[in-house]
Amino acid sequence: MEFNKHRTNVDATLEHLHTYYMDEITLETLCRQLHTNRTTLNKNFKERTGQTVIAYLLGYRLRVATELLAHTSLTIDEIACATGFMYGTYLIRQFEAKAKQTPTEYRREARKNNHIVVNKNV
């Protein structure tokens, strides 16, 4: 991640998270790339977004997963891989904790309520 002196560490972090959310991302790696420490990065990030870096990343990954669930025929494991979750079971656990329903229940409901026709080739 290149640091542009006109961008803040938070801007650089957000750009990195939105671009590489499907990869393994750790706070330590981000801090090393931005030449800062965990406390400073998390403090600045939370002031701007209301969340820690890792909480924001989890939320972003879940938002992308909801779109994939509603609009594709990808399996839970494929969606997990595409969104940076290591395993389908981890995606399911995180999804249930935040959405209070399983990914399969969400998919069924989203398609029913929105009359979504899924492209099987996606």
PDB file of N, CA and C in Angstrom:
ATOM      1  N   MET A   1       0.857  -1.156   0.000  1.00  0.00           N
ATOM      2  CA  MET A   1       0.000   0.000   0.000  1.00  0.00           C
ATOM      3  C   MET A   1       0.907   1.224   0.000  1.00  0.00           C
ATOM      4  N   GLU A   2       0.712   2.072  -0.980  1.00  0.00           N
ATOM      5  CA  GLU A   2       1.505   3.293  -1.055  1.00  0.00           C
ATOM      6  C   GLU A   2       0.884   4.375  -0.202  1.00  0.00           C
ATOM      7  N   PHE A   3       1.721   5.122   0.449  1.00  0.00           N
ATOM      8  CA  PHE A   3       1.203   6.220   1.263  1.00  0.00           C
ATOM      9  C   PHE A   3       1.397   7.518   0.504  1.00  0.00           C
ATOM     10  N   ASN A   4       0.308   8.210   0.267  1.00  0.00           N
ATOM     11  CA  ASN A   4       0.315   9.508  -0.382  1.00  0.00           C
ATOM     12  C   ASN A   4       0.216  10.544   0.729  1.00  0.00           C
ATOM     13  N   LYS A   5       1.097  11.516   0.751  1.00  0.00           N
ATOM     14  CA  LYS A   5       1.124  12.459   1.873  1.00  0.00           C
ATOM     15  C   LYS A   5      -0.147  13.301   1.968  1.00  0.00           C
ATOM     16  N   HIS A   6      -0.951  13.333   0.904  1.00  0.00           N
ATOM     17  CA  HIS A   6      -2.194  14.093   0.933  1.00  0.00           C
ATOM     18  C   HIS A   6      -3.370  13.259   1.457  1.00  0.00           C
ATOM     19  N   ARG A   7      -3.164  11.976   1.626  1.00  0.00           N
ATOM     20  CA  ARG A   7      -4.201  11.099   2.173  1.00  0.00           C
ATOM     21  C   ARG A   7      -3.844  10.764   3.603  1.00  0.00           C
ATOM     22  N   THR A   8      -4.856  10.567   4.411  1.00  0.00           N
ATOM     23  CA  THR A   8      -4.605  10.175   5.791  1.00  0.00           C
ATOM     24  C   THR A   8      -4.424   8.659   5.862  1.00  0.00           C
ATOM     25  N   ASN A   9      -3.945   8.193   6.998  1.00  0.00           N
ATOM     26  CA  ASN A   9      -3.844   6.748   7.220  1.00  0.00           C
ATOM     27  C   ASN A   9      -5.219   6.097   7.145  1.00  0.00           C
ATOM     28  N   VAL A  10      -6.247   6.800   7.594  1.00  0.00           N
ATOM     29  CA  VAL A  10      -7.606   6.251   7.542  1.00  0.00           C
ATOM     30  C   VAL A  10      -8.052   6.104   6.094  1.00  0.00           C
ATOM     31  N   ASP A  11      -7.794   7.111   5.268  1.00  0.00           N
ATOM     32  CA  ASP A  11      -8.140   7.009   3.846  1.00  0.00           C
ATOM     33  C   ASP A  11      -7.436   5.825   3.194  1.00  0.00           C
ATOM     34  N   ALA A  12      -6.152   5.688   3.472  1.00  0.00           N
ATOM     35  CA  ALA A  12      -5.374   4.585   2.904  1.00  0.00           C
ATOM     36  C   ALA A  12      -5.897   3.238   3.394  1.00  0.00           C
ATOM     37  N   THR A  13      -6.281   3.175   4.667  1.00  0.00           N
ATOM     38  CA  THR A  13      -6.808   1.932   5.237  1.00  0.00           C
ATOM     39  C   THR A  13      -8.138   1.575   4.590  1.00  0.00           C
ATOM     40  N   LEU A  14      -9.035   2.541   4.466  1.00  0.00           N
ATOM     41  CA  LEU A  14     -10.332   2.281   3.834  1.00  0.00           C
ATOM     42  C   LEU A  14     -10.157   1.803   2.402  1.00  0.00           C
ATOM     43  N   GLU A  15      -9.288   2.446   1.666  1.00  0.00           N
ATOM     44  CA  GLU A  15      -9.040   2.032   0.289  1.00  0.00           C
ATOM     45  C   GLU A  15      -8.505   0.595   0.240  1.00  0.00           C
ATOM     46  N   HIS A  16      -7.585   0.294   1.133  1.00  0.00           N
ATOM     47  CA  HIS A  16      -7.013  -1.054   1.182  1.00  0.00           C
ATOM     48  C   HIS A  16      -8.088  -2.084   1.536  1.00  0.00           C
ATOM     49  N   LEU A  17      -8.921  -1.800   2.527  1.00  0.00           N
ATOM     50  CA  LEU A  17      -9.970  -2.733   2.936  1.00  0.00           C
ATOM     51  C   LEU A  17     -10.973  -2.961   1.817  1.00  0.00           C
ATOM     52  N   HIS A  18     -11.366  -1.907   1.125  1.00  0.00           N
ATOM     53  CA  HIS A  18     -12.346  -2.030   0.049  1.00  0.00           C
ATOM     54  C   HIS A  18     -11.785  -2.750  -1.171  1.00  0.00           C
ATOM     55  N   THR A  19     -10.491  -2.674  -1.353  1.00  0.00           N
ATOM     56  CA  THR A  19      -9.851  -3.307  -2.507  1.00  0.00           C
ATOM     57  C   THR A  19      -9.459  -4.756  -2.231  1.00  0.00           C
ATOM     58  N   TYR A  20      -8.957  -5.026  -1.035  1.00  0.00           N
ATOM     59  CA  TYR A  20      -8.384  -6.339  -0.729  1.00  0.00           C
ATOM     60  C   TYR A  20      -9.139  -7.100   0.350  1.00  0.00           C
ATOM     61  N   TYR A  21     -10.427  -6.775   0.553  1.00  0.00           N
ATOM     62  CA  TYR A  21     -11.218  -7.422   1.612  1.00  0.00           C
ATOM     63  C   TYR A  21     -11.228  -8.938   1.504  1.00  0.00           C
ATOM     64  N   MET A  22     -11.046  -9.465   0.309  1.00  0.00           N
ATOM     65  CA  MET A  22     -11.093 -10.918   0.131  1.00  0.00           C
ATOM     66  C   MET A  22      -9.794 -11.612   0.571  1.00  0.00           C
ATOM     67  N   ASP A  23      -8.761 -10.837   0.812  1.00  0.00           N
ATOM     68  CA  ASP A  23      -7.469 -11.382   1.244  1.00  0.00           C
ATOM     69  C   ASP A  23      -7.370 -11.373   2.768  1.00  0.00           C
ATOM     70  N   GLU A  24      -6.372 -12.068   3.278  1.00  0.00           N
ATOM     71  CA  GLU A  24      -6.115 -12.022   4.717  1.00  0.00           C
ATOM     72  C   GLU A  24      -5.552 -10.647   5.055  1.00  0.00           C
ATOM     73  N   ILE A  25      -6.198  -9.964   5.969  1.00  0.00           N
ATOM     74  CA  ILE A  25      -5.770  -8.625   6.373  1.00  0.00           C
ATOM     75  C   ILE A  25      -5.648  -8.616   7.890  1.00  0.00           C
ATOM     76  N   THR A  26      -4.499  -8.167   8.358  1.00  0.00           N
ATOM     77  CA  THR A  26      -4.316  -8.038   9.806  1.00  0.00           C
ATOM     78  C   THR A  26      -3.999  -6.587  10.133  1.00  0.00           C
ATOM     79  N   LEU A  27      -4.330  -6.202  11.326  1.00  0.00           N
ATOM     80  CA  LEU A  27      -4.025  -4.850  11.788  1.00  0.00           C
ATOM     81  C   LEU A  27      -2.518  -4.620  11.797  1.00  0.00           C
ATOM     82  N   GLU A  28      -1.779  -5.653  12.160  1.00  0.00           N
ATOM     83  CA  GLU A  28      -0.313  -5.542  12.204  1.00  0.00           C
ATOM     84  C   GLU A  28       0.255  -5.220  10.825  1.00  0.00           C
ATOM     85  N   THR A  29      -0.257  -5.892   9.790  1.00  0.00           N
ATOM     86  CA  THR A  29       0.229  -5.664   8.427  1.00  0.00           C
ATOM     87  C   THR A  29      -0.103  -4.247   7.973  1.00  0.00           C
ATOM     88  N   LEU A  30      -1.323  -3.810   8.238  1.00  0.00           N
ATOM     89  CA  LEU A  30      -1.711  -2.446   7.871  1.00  0.00           C
ATOM     90  C   LEU A  30      -0.809  -1.427   8.559  1.00  0.00           C
ATOM     91  N   CYS A  31      -0.568  -1.613   9.841  1.00  0.00           N
ATOM     92  CA  CYS A  31       0.281  -0.686  10.598  1.00  0.00           C
ATOM     93  C   CYS A  31       1.697  -0.642  10.039  1.00  0.00           C
ATOM     94  N   ARG A  32       2.233  -1.802   9.698  1.00  0.00           N
ATOM     95  CA  ARG A  32       3.578  -1.850   9.121  1.00  0.00           C
ATOM     96  C   ARG A  32       3.626  -1.073   7.805  1.00  0.00           C
ATOM     97  N   GLN A  33       2.608  -1.272   6.966  1.00  0.00           N
ATOM     98  CA  GLN A  33       2.585  -0.603   5.664  1.00  0.00           C
ATOM     99  C   GLN A  33       2.404   0.908   5.786  1.00  0.00           C
ATOM    100  N   LEU A  34       1.706   1.329   6.829  1.00  0.00           N
ATOM    101  CA  LEU A  34       1.437   2.757   7.019  1.00  0.00           C
ATOM    102  C   LEU A  34       2.408   3.437   7.978  1.00  0.00           C
ATOM    103  N   HIS A  35       3.339   2.655   8.509  1.00  0.00           N
ATOM    104  CA  HIS A  35       4.339   3.185   9.453  1.00  0.00           C
ATOM    105  C   HIS A  35       3.671   3.866  10.647  1.00  0.00           C
ATOM    106  N   THR A  36       2.732   3.140  11.247  1.00  0.00           N
ATOM    107  CA  THR A  36       2.039   3.630  12.431  1.00  0.00           C
ATOM    108  C   THR A  36       1.855   2.477  13.402  1.00  0.00           C
ATOM    109  N   ASN A  37       1.218   2.729  14.523  1.00  0.00           N
ATOM    110  CA  ASN A  37       0.980   1.647  15.477  1.00  0.00           C
ATOM    111  C   ASN A  37      -0.516   1.357  15.588  1.00  0.00           C
ATOM    112  N   ARG A  38      -0.824   0.216  16.207  1.00  0.00           N
ATOM    113  CA  ARG A  38      -2.216  -0.250  16.317  1.00  0.00           C
ATOM    114  C   ARG A  38      -3.110   0.756  17.024  1.00  0.00           C
ATOM    115  N   THR A  39      -2.626   1.300  18.113  1.00  0.00           N
ATOM    116  CA  THR A  39      -3.432   2.216  18.916  1.00  0.00           C
ATOM    117  C   THR A  39      -3.799   3.463  18.117  1.00  0.00           C
ATOM    118  N   THR A  40      -2.831   4.058  17.466  1.00  0.00           N
ATOM    119  CA  THR A  40      -3.061   5.272  16.691  1.00  0.00           C
ATOM    120  C   THR A  40      -3.997   5.006  15.517  1.00  0.00           C
ATOM    121  N   LEU A  41      -3.730   3.941  14.777  1.00  0.00           N
ATOM    122  CA  LEU A  41      -4.566   3.638  13.617  1.00  0.00           C
ATOM    123  C   LEU A  41      -6.006   3.364  14.045  1.00  0.00           C
ATOM    124  N   ASN A  42      -6.188   2.515  15.048  1.00  0.00           N
ATOM    125  CA  ASN A  42      -7.538   2.205  15.503  1.00  0.00           C
ATOM    126  C   ASN A  42      -8.254   3.440  16.058  1.00  0.00           C
ATOM    127  N   LYS A  43      -7.530   4.282  16.787  1.00  0.00           N
ATOM    128  CA  LYS A  43      -8.131   5.498  17.353  1.00  0.00           C
ATOM    129  C   LYS A  43      -8.608   6.419  16.233  1.00  0.00           C
ATOM    130  N   ASN A  44      -7.741   6.684  15.272  1.00  0.00           N
ATOM    131  CA  ASN A  44      -8.101   7.565  14.153  1.00  0.00           C
ATOM    132  C   ASN A  44      -9.217   6.962  13.296  1.00  0.00           C
ATOM    133  N   PHE A  45      -9.135   5.669  13.073  1.00  0.00           N
ATOM    134  CA  PHE A  45     -10.138   4.984  12.263  1.00  0.00           C
ATOM    135  C   PHE A  45     -11.504   5.026  12.946  1.00  0.00           C
ATOM    136  N   LYS A  46     -11.508   4.784  14.250  1.00  0.00           N
ATOM    137  CA  LYS A  46     -12.765   4.782  15.002  1.00  0.00           C
ATOM    138  C   LYS A  46     -13.366   6.181  15.081  1.00  0.00           C
ATOM    139  N   GLU A  47     -12.523   7.197  15.195  1.00  0.00           N
ATOM    140  CA  GLU A  47     -13.024   8.583  15.201  1.00  0.00           C
ATOM    141  C   GLU A  47     -13.754   8.892  13.899  1.00  0.00           C
ATOM    142  N   ARG A  48     -13.253   8.353  12.818  1.00  0.00           N
ATOM    143  CA  ARG A  48     -13.825   8.637  11.483  1.00  0.00           C
ATOM    144  C   ARG A  48     -15.009   7.745  11.146  1.00  0.00           C
ATOM    145  N   THR A  49     -14.941   6.456  11.510  1.00  0.00           N
ATOM    146  CA  THR A  49     -15.959   5.494  11.058  1.00  0.00           C
ATOM    147  C   THR A  49     -16.879   5.009  12.172  1.00  0.00           C
ATOM    148  N   GLY A  50     -16.464   5.190  13.408  1.00  0.00           N
ATOM    149  CA  GLY A  50     -17.249   4.680  14.523  1.00  0.00           C
ATOM    150  C   GLY A  50     -16.953   3.234  14.865  1.00  0.00           C
ATOM    151  N   GLN A  51     -16.005   2.635  14.166  1.00  0.00           N
ATOM    152  CA  GLN A  51     -15.640   1.232  14.384  1.00  0.00           C
ATOM    153  C   GLN A  51     -14.132   1.067  14.351  1.00  0.00           C
ATOM    154  N   THR A  52     -13.674  -0.050  14.933  1.00  0.00           N
ATOM    155  CA  THR A  52     -12.262  -0.397  14.778  1.00  0.00           C
ATOM    156  C   THR A  52     -12.045  -0.890  13.355  1.00  0.00           C
ATOM    157  N   VAL A  53     -10.799  -0.991  12.960  1.00  0.00           N
ATOM    158  CA  VAL A  53     -10.456  -1.455  11.613  1.00  0.00           C
ATOM    159  C   VAL A  53     -11.029  -2.852  11.366  1.00  0.00           C
ATOM    160  N   ILE A  54     -10.810  -3.764  12.282  1.00  0.00           N
ATOM    161  CA  ILE A  54     -11.236  -5.154  12.073  1.00  0.00           C
ATOM    162  C   ILE A  54     -12.755  -5.273  12.120  1.00  0.00           C
ATOM    163  N   ALA A  55     -13.427  -4.520  12.974  1.00  0.00           N
ATOM    164  CA  ALA A  55     -14.895  -4.537  13.000  1.00  0.00           C
ATOM    165  C   ALA A  55     -15.449  -4.006  11.678  1.00  0.00           C
ATOM    166  N   TYR A  56     -14.842  -2.962  11.154  1.00  0.00           N
ATOM    167  CA  TYR A  56     -15.268  -2.405   9.868  1.00  0.00           C
ATOM    168  C   TYR A  56     -15.074  -3.431   8.753  1.00  0.00           C
ATOM    169  N   LEU A  57     -13.918  -4.085   8.751  1.00  0.00           N
ATOM    170  CA  LEU A  57     -13.625  -5.102   7.739  1.00  0.00           C
ATOM    171  C   LEU A  57     -14.652  -6.222   7.791  1.00  0.00           C
ATOM    172  N   LEU A  58     -14.972  -6.691   8.972  1.00  0.00           N
ATOM    173  CA  LEU A  58     -15.969  -7.750   9.116  1.00  0.00           C
ATOM    174  C   LEU A  58     -17.317  -7.291   8.563  1.00  0.00           C
ATOM    175  N   GLY A  59     -17.728  -6.088   8.913  1.00  0.00           N
ATOM    176  CA  GLY A  59     -18.994  -5.559   8.411  1.00  0.00           C
ATOM    177  C   GLY A  59     -19.004  -5.420   6.904  1.00  0.00           C
ATOM    178  N   TYR A  60     -17.900  -4.967   6.343  1.00  0.00           N
ATOM    179  CA  TYR A  60     -17.805  -4.812   4.882  1.00  0.00           C
ATOM    180  C   TYR A  60     -17.891  -6.178   4.197  1.00  0.00           C
ATOM    181  N   ARG A  61     -17.169  -7.142   4.720  1.00  0.00           N
ATOM    182  CA  ARG A  61     -17.220  -8.494   4.151  1.00  0.00           C
ATOM    183  C   ARG A  61     -18.641  -9.057   4.213  1.00  0.00           C
ATOM    184  N   LEU A  62     -19.340  -8.815   5.305  1.00  0.00           N
ATOM    185  CA  LEU A  62     -20.714  -9.306   5.434  1.00  0.00           C
ATOM    186  C   LEU A  62     -21.647  -8.605   4.454  1.00  0.00           C
ATOM    187  N   ARG A  63     -21.440  -7.315   4.212  1.00  0.00           N
ATOM    188  CA  ARG A  63     -22.264  -6.605   3.222  1.00  0.00           C
ATOM    189  C   ARG A  63     -22.055  -7.175   1.824  1.00  0.00           C
ATOM    190  N   VAL A  64     -20.814  -7.453   1.477  1.00  0.00           N
ATOM    191  CA  VAL A  64     -20.536  -8.056   0.170  1.00  0.00           C
ATOM    192  C   VAL A  64     -21.166  -9.451   0.107  1.00  0.00           C
ATOM    193  N   ALA A  65     -21.052 -10.204   1.185  1.00  0.00           N
ATOM    194  CA  ALA A  65     -21.643 -11.552   1.224  1.00  0.00           C
ATOM    195  C   ALA A  65     -23.150 -11.498   1.027  1.00  0.00           C
ATOM    196  N   THR A  66     -23.834 -10.511   1.618  1.00  0.00           N
ATOM    197  CA  THR A  66     -25.287 -10.419   1.443  1.00  0.00           C
ATOM    198  C   THR A  66     -25.640 -10.173  -0.021  1.00  0.00           C
ATOM    199  N   GLU A  67     -24.855  -9.364  -0.698  1.00  0.00           N
ATOM    200  CA  GLU A  67     -25.099  -9.131  -2.130  1.00  0.00           C
ATOM    201  C   GLU A  67     -24.903 -10.415  -2.932  1.00  0.00           C
ATOM    202  N   LEU A  68     -23.853 -11.140  -2.618  1.00  0.00           N
ATOM    203  CA  LEU A  68     -23.596 -12.401  -3.331  1.00  0.00           C
ATOM    204  C   LEU A  68     -24.677 -13.435  -3.037  1.00  0.00           C
ATOM    205  N   LEU A  69     -25.137 -13.477  -1.812  1.00  0.00           N
ATOM    206  CA  LEU A  69     -26.212 -14.409  -1.459  1.00  0.00           C
ATOM    207  C   LEU A  69     -27.480 -14.098  -2.239  1.00  0.00           C
ATOM    208  N   ALA A  70     -27.803 -12.837  -2.349  1.00  0.00           N
ATOM    209  CA  ALA A  70     -29.045 -12.437  -3.008  1.00  0.00           C
ATOM    210  C   ALA A  70     -28.984 -12.539  -4.527  1.00  0.00           C
ATOM    211  N   HIS A  71     -27.801 -12.344  -5.100  1.00  0.00           N
ATOM    212  CA  HIS A  71     -27.735 -12.179  -6.549  1.00  0.00           C
ATOM    213  C   HIS A  71     -26.930 -13.231  -7.304  1.00  0.00           C
ATOM    214  N   THR A  72     -26.405 -14.239  -6.623  1.00  0.00           N
ATOM    215  CA  THR A  72     -25.651 -15.283  -7.311  1.00  0.00           C
ATOM    216  C   THR A  72     -26.088 -16.657  -6.809  1.00  0.00           C
ATOM    217  N   SER A  73     -25.625 -17.663  -7.502  1.00  0.00           N
ATOM    218  CA  SER A  73     -25.864 -19.049  -7.074  1.00  0.00           C
ATOM    219  C   SER A  73     -24.629 -19.654  -6.421  1.00  0.00           C
ATOM    220  N   LEU A  74     -23.671 -18.810  -6.043  1.00  0.00           N
ATOM    221  CA  LEU A  74     -22.463 -19.311  -5.402  1.00  0.00           C
ATOM    222  C   LEU A  74     -22.828 -20.031  -4.107  1.00  0.00           C
ATOM    223  N   THR A  75     -22.076 -21.069  -3.786  1.00  0.00           N
ATOM    224  CA  THR A  75     -22.292 -21.779  -2.529  1.00  0.00           C
ATOM    225  C   THR A  75     -21.786 -20.925  -1.371  1.00  0.00           C
ATOM    226  N   ILE A  76     -22.156 -21.320  -0.169  1.00  0.00           N
ATOM    227  CA  ILE A  76     -21.688 -20.600   1.022  1.00  0.00           C
ATOM    228  C   ILE A  76     -20.160 -20.633   1.082  1.00  0.00           C
ATOM    229  N   ASP A  77     -19.553 -21.779   0.784  1.00  0.00           N
ATOM    230  CA  ASP A  77     -18.088 -21.867   0.792  1.00  0.00           C
ATOM    231  C   ASP A  77     -17.465 -20.959  -0.256  1.00  0.00           C
ATOM    232  N   GLU A  78     -18.066 -20.868  -1.439  1.00  0.00           N
ATOM    233  CA  GLU A  78     -17.538 -19.990  -2.490  1.00  0.00           C
ATOM    234  C   GLU A  78     -17.661 -18.527  -2.073  1.00  0.00           C
ATOM    235  N   ILE A  79     -18.787 -18.185  -1.461  1.00  0.00           N
ATOM    236  CA  ILE A  79     -18.963 -16.809  -0.976  1.00  0.00           C
ATOM    237  C   ILE A  79     -17.972 -16.511   0.139  1.00  0.00           C
ATOM    238  N   ALA A  80     -17.751 -17.478   1.013  1.00  0.00           N
ATOM    239  CA  ALA A  80     -16.767 -17.298   2.089  1.00  0.00           C
ATOM    240  C   ALA A  80     -15.393 -16.980   1.503  1.00  0.00           C
ATOM    241  N   CYS A  81     -14.970 -17.747   0.522  1.00  0.00           N
ATOM    242  CA  CYS A  81     -13.663 -17.513  -0.115  1.00  0.00           C
ATOM    243  C   CYS A  81     -13.626 -16.159  -0.818  1.00  0.00           C
ATOM    244  N   ALA A  82     -14.714 -15.795  -1.481  1.00  0.00           N
ATOM    245  CA  ALA A  82     -14.766 -14.554  -2.244  1.00  0.00           C
ATOM    246  C   ALA A  82     -14.788 -13.318  -1.355  1.00  0.00           C
ATOM    247  N   THR A  83     -15.153 -13.488  -0.099  1.00  0.00           N
ATOM    248  CA  THR A  83     -15.283 -12.336   0.792  1.00  0.00           C
ATOM    249  C   THR A  83     -14.268 -12.306   1.924  1.00  0.00           C
ATOM    250  N   GLY A  84     -13.303 -13.204   1.896  1.00  0.00           N
ATOM    251  CA  GLY A  84     -12.217 -13.148   2.872  1.00  0.00           C
ATOM    252  C   GLY A  84     -12.432 -13.942   4.135  1.00  0.00           C
ATOM    253  N   PHE A  85     -13.521 -14.692   4.212  1.00  0.00           N
ATOM    254  CA  PHE A  85     -13.723 -15.575   5.355  1.00  0.00           C
ATOM    255  C   PHE A  85     -12.973 -16.865   5.050  1.00  0.00           C
ATOM    256  N   MET A  86     -12.278 -17.392   6.024  1.00  0.00           N
ATOM    257  CA  MET A  86     -11.448 -18.572   5.793  1.00  0.00           C
ATOM    258  C   MET A  86     -12.278 -19.806   5.464  1.00  0.00           C
ATOM    259  N   TYR A  87     -13.425 -19.925   6.098  1.00  0.00           N
ATOM    260  CA  TYR A  87     -14.253 -21.119   5.940  1.00  0.00           C
ATOM    261  C   TYR A  87     -15.719 -20.723   5.890  1.00  0.00           C
ATOM    262  N   GLY A  88     -16.514 -21.565   5.236  1.00  0.00           N
ATOM    263  CA  GLY A  88     -17.948 -21.341   5.188  1.00  0.00           C
ATOM    264  C   GLY A  88     -18.556 -21.295   6.576  1.00  0.00           C
ATOM    265  N   THR A  89     -18.045 -22.126   7.473  1.00  0.00           N
ATOM    266  CA  THR A  89     -18.592 -22.158   8.835  1.00  0.00           C
ATOM    267  C   THR A  89     -18.352 -20.841   9.566  1.00  0.00           C
ATOM    268  N   TYR A  90     -17.216 -20.192   9.303  1.00  0.00           N
ATOM    269  CA  TYR A  90     -16.933 -18.903   9.931  1.00  0.00           C
ATOM    270  C   TYR A  90     -17.878 -17.829   9.385  1.00  0.00           C
ATOM    271  N   LEU A  91     -18.110 -17.855   8.074  1.00  0.00           N
ATOM    272  CA  LEU A  91     -19.075 -16.931   7.483  1.00  0.00           C
ATOM    273  C   LEU A  91     -20.456 -17.132   8.098  1.00  0.00           C
ATOM    274  N   ILE A  92     -20.880 -18.381   8.208  1.00  0.00           N
ATOM    275  CA  ILE A  92     -22.201 -18.682   8.773  1.00  0.00           C
ATOM    276  C   ILE A  92     -22.306 -18.149  10.197  1.00  0.00           C
ATOM    277  N   ARG A  93     -21.296 -18.405  10.999  1.00  0.00           N
ATOM    278  CA  ARG A  93     -21.306 -17.967  12.400  1.00  0.00           C
ATOM    279  C   ARG A  93     -21.370 -16.437  12.504  1.00  0.00           C
ATOM    280  N   GLN A  94     -20.567 -15.748  11.711  1.00  0.00           N
ATOM    281  CA  GLN A  94     -20.561 -14.287  11.738  1.00  0.00           C
ATOM    282  C   GLN A  94     -21.867 -13.719  11.185  1.00  0.00           C
ATOM    283  N   PHE A  95     -22.378 -14.326  10.134  1.00  0.00           N
ATOM    284  CA  PHE A  95     -23.619 -13.874   9.515  1.00  0.00           C
ATOM    285  C   PHE A  95     -24.780 -14.010  10.494  1.00  0.00           C
ATOM    286  N   GLU A  96     -24.860 -15.169  11.153  1.00  0.00           N
ATOM    287  CA  GLU A  96     -25.937 -15.394  12.127  1.00  0.00           C
ATOM    288  C   GLU A  96     -25.846 -14.407  13.298  1.00  0.00           C
ATOM    289  N   ALA A  97     -24.641 -14.111  13.726  1.00  0.00           N
ATOM    290  CA  ALA A  97     -24.460 -13.183  14.849  1.00  0.00           C
ATOM    291  C   ALA A  97     -24.942 -11.775  14.486  1.00  0.00           C
ATOM    292  N   LYS A  98     -24.705 -11.354  13.263  1.00  0.00           N
ATOM    293  CA  LYS A  98     -25.072  -9.995  12.850  1.00  0.00           C
ATOM    294  C   LYS A  98     -26.491  -9.920  12.298  1.00  0.00           C
ATOM    295  N   ALA A  99     -26.882 -10.875  11.466  1.00  0.00           N
ATOM    296  CA  ALA A  99     -28.176 -10.808  10.775  1.00  0.00           C
ATOM    297  C   ALA A  99     -29.287 -11.551  11.508  1.00  0.00           C
ATOM    298  N   LYS A 100     -28.917 -12.337  12.503  1.00  0.00           N
ATOM    299  CA  LYS A 100     -29.897 -13.121  13.283  1.00  0.00           C
ATOM    300  C   LYS A 100     -30.658 -14.126  12.412  1.00  0.00           C
ATOM    301  N   GLN A 101     -30.020 -14.564  11.347  1.00  0.00           N
ATOM    302  CA  GLN A 101     -30.547 -15.631  10.504  1.00  0.00           C
ATOM    303  C   GLN A 101     -29.375 -16.238   9.739  1.00  0.00           C
ATOM    304  N   THR A 102     -29.569 -17.442   9.220  1.00  0.00           N
ATOM    305  CA  THR A 102     -28.492 -18.097   8.484  1.00  0.00           C
ATOM    306  C   THR A 102     -28.379 -17.462   7.098  1.00  0.00           C
ATOM    307  N   PRO A 103     -27.233 -17.627   6.448  1.00  0.00           N
ATOM    308  CA  PRO A 103     -27.097 -17.131   5.086  1.00  0.00           C
ATOM    309  C   PRO A 103     -28.140 -17.744   4.138  1.00  0.00           C
ATOM    310  N   THR A 104     -28.446 -19.012   4.328  1.00  0.00           N
ATOM    311  CA  THR A 104     -29.440 -19.673   3.477  1.00  0.00           C
ATOM    312  C   THR A 104     -30.824 -19.064   3.677  1.00  0.00           C
ATOM    313  N   GLU A 105     -31.179 -18.784   4.917  1.00  0.00           N
ATOM    314  CA  GLU A 105     -32.465 -18.134   5.196  1.00  0.00           C
ATOM    315  C   GLU A 105     -32.506 -16.744   4.565  1.00  0.00           C
ATOM    316  N   TYR A 106     -31.403 -16.014   4.700  1.00  0.00           N
ATOM    317  CA  TYR A 106     -31.326 -14.682   4.106  1.00  0.00           C
ATOM    318  C   TYR A 106     -31.502 -14.766   2.595  1.00  0.00           C
ATOM    319  N   ARG A 107     -30.801 -15.680   1.961  1.00  0.00           N
ATOM    320  CA  ARG A 107     -30.868 -15.847   0.504  1.00  0.00           C
ATOM    321  C   ARG A 107     -32.296 -16.114   0.063  1.00  0.00           C
ATOM    322  N   ARG A 108     -32.938 -17.045   0.725  1.00  0.00           N
ATOM    323  CA  ARG A 108     -34.308 -17.417   0.380  1.00  0.00           C
ATOM    324  C   ARG A 108     -35.239 -16.217   0.515  1.00  0.00           C
ATOM    325  N   GLU A 109     -35.121 -15.510   1.628  1.00  0.00           N
ATOM    326  CA  GLU A 109     -35.971 -14.349   1.898  1.00  0.00           C
ATOM    327  C   GLU A 109     -35.710 -13.214   0.912  1.00  0.00           C
ATOM    328  N   ALA A 110     -34.446 -12.941   0.634  1.00  0.00           N
ATOM    329  CA  ALA A 110     -34.082 -11.859  -0.283  1.00  0.00           C
ATOM    330  C   ALA A 110     -34.633 -12.129  -1.678  1.00  0.00           C
ATOM    331  N   ARG A 111     -34.527 -13.337  -2.120  1.00  0.00           N
ATOM    332  CA  ARG A 111     -35.023 -13.678  -3.461  1.00  0.00           C
ATOM    333  C   ARG A 111     -36.541 -13.635  -3.515  1.00  0.00           C
ATOM    334  N   LYS A 112     -37.182 -14.088  -2.467  1.00  0.00           N
ATOM    335  CA  LYS A 112     -38.648 -14.090  -2.420  1.00  0.00           C
ATOM    336  C   LYS A 112     -39.187 -12.659  -2.377  1.00  0.00           C
ATOM    337  N   ASN A 113     -38.630 -11.844  -1.506  1.00  0.00           N
ATOM    338  CA  ASN A 113     -39.122 -10.479  -1.318  1.00  0.00           C
ATOM    339  C   ASN A 113     -38.789  -9.544  -2.467  1.00  0.00           C
ATOM    340  N   ASN A 114     -37.704  -9.808  -3.144  1.00  0.00           N
ATOM    341  CA  ASN A 114     -37.263  -8.917  -4.230  1.00  0.00           C
ATOM    342  C   ASN A 114     -37.503  -9.509  -5.606  1.00  0.00           C
ATOM    343  N   HIS A 115     -38.079 -10.681  -5.652  1.00  0.00           N
ATOM    344  CA  HIS A 115     -38.350 -11.344  -6.937  1.00  0.00           C
ATOM    345  C   HIS A 115     -37.093 -11.402  -7.791  1.00  0.00           C
ATOM    346  N   ILE A 116     -36.004 -11.780  -7.171  1.00  0.00           N
ATOM    347  CA  ILE A 116     -34.711 -11.807  -7.838  1.00  0.00           C
ATOM    348  C   ILE A 116     -34.579 -13.070  -8.671  1.00  0.00           C
ATOM    349  N   VAL A 117     -34.185 -12.885  -9.922  1.00  0.00           N
ATOM    350  CA  VAL A 117     -33.865 -14.003 -10.790  1.00  0.00           C
ATOM    351  C   VAL A 117     -32.354 -14.125 -10.790  1.00  0.00           C
ATOM    352  N   VAL A 118     -31.872 -15.279 -10.418  1.00  0.00           N
ATOM    353  CA  VAL A 118     -30.430 -15.469 -10.261  1.00  0.00           C
ATOM    354  C   VAL A 118     -29.821 -15.981 -11.534  1.00  0.00           C
ATOM    355  N   ASN A 119     -28.699 -15.386 -11.933  1.00  0.00           N
ATOM    356  CA  ASN A 119     -27.946 -15.851 -13.076  1.00  0.00           C
ATOM    357  C   ASN A 119     -27.094 -17.022 -12.635  1.00  0.00           C
ATOM    358  N   LYS A 120     -27.405 -18.203 -13.098  1.00  0.00           N
ATOM    359  CA  LYS A 120     -26.692 -19.421 -12.676  1.00  0.00           C
ATOM    360  C   LYS A 120     -25.243 -19.433 -13.141  1.00  0.00           C
ATOM    361  N   ASN A 121     -24.891 -18.582 -14.099  1.00  0.00           N
ATOM    362  CA  ASN A 121     -23.535 -18.583 -14.650  1.00  0.00           C
ATOM    363  C   ASN A 121     -22.594 -17.660 -13.890  1.00  0.00           C
ATOM    364  N   VAL A 122     -23.110 -16.941 -12.896  1.00  0.00           N
ATOM    365  CA  VAL A 122     -22.255 -15.999 -12.153  1.00  0.00           C
ATOM    366  C   VAL A 122     -21.350 -16.741 -11.226  1.00  0.00           C
TER     367      VAL A 122
END
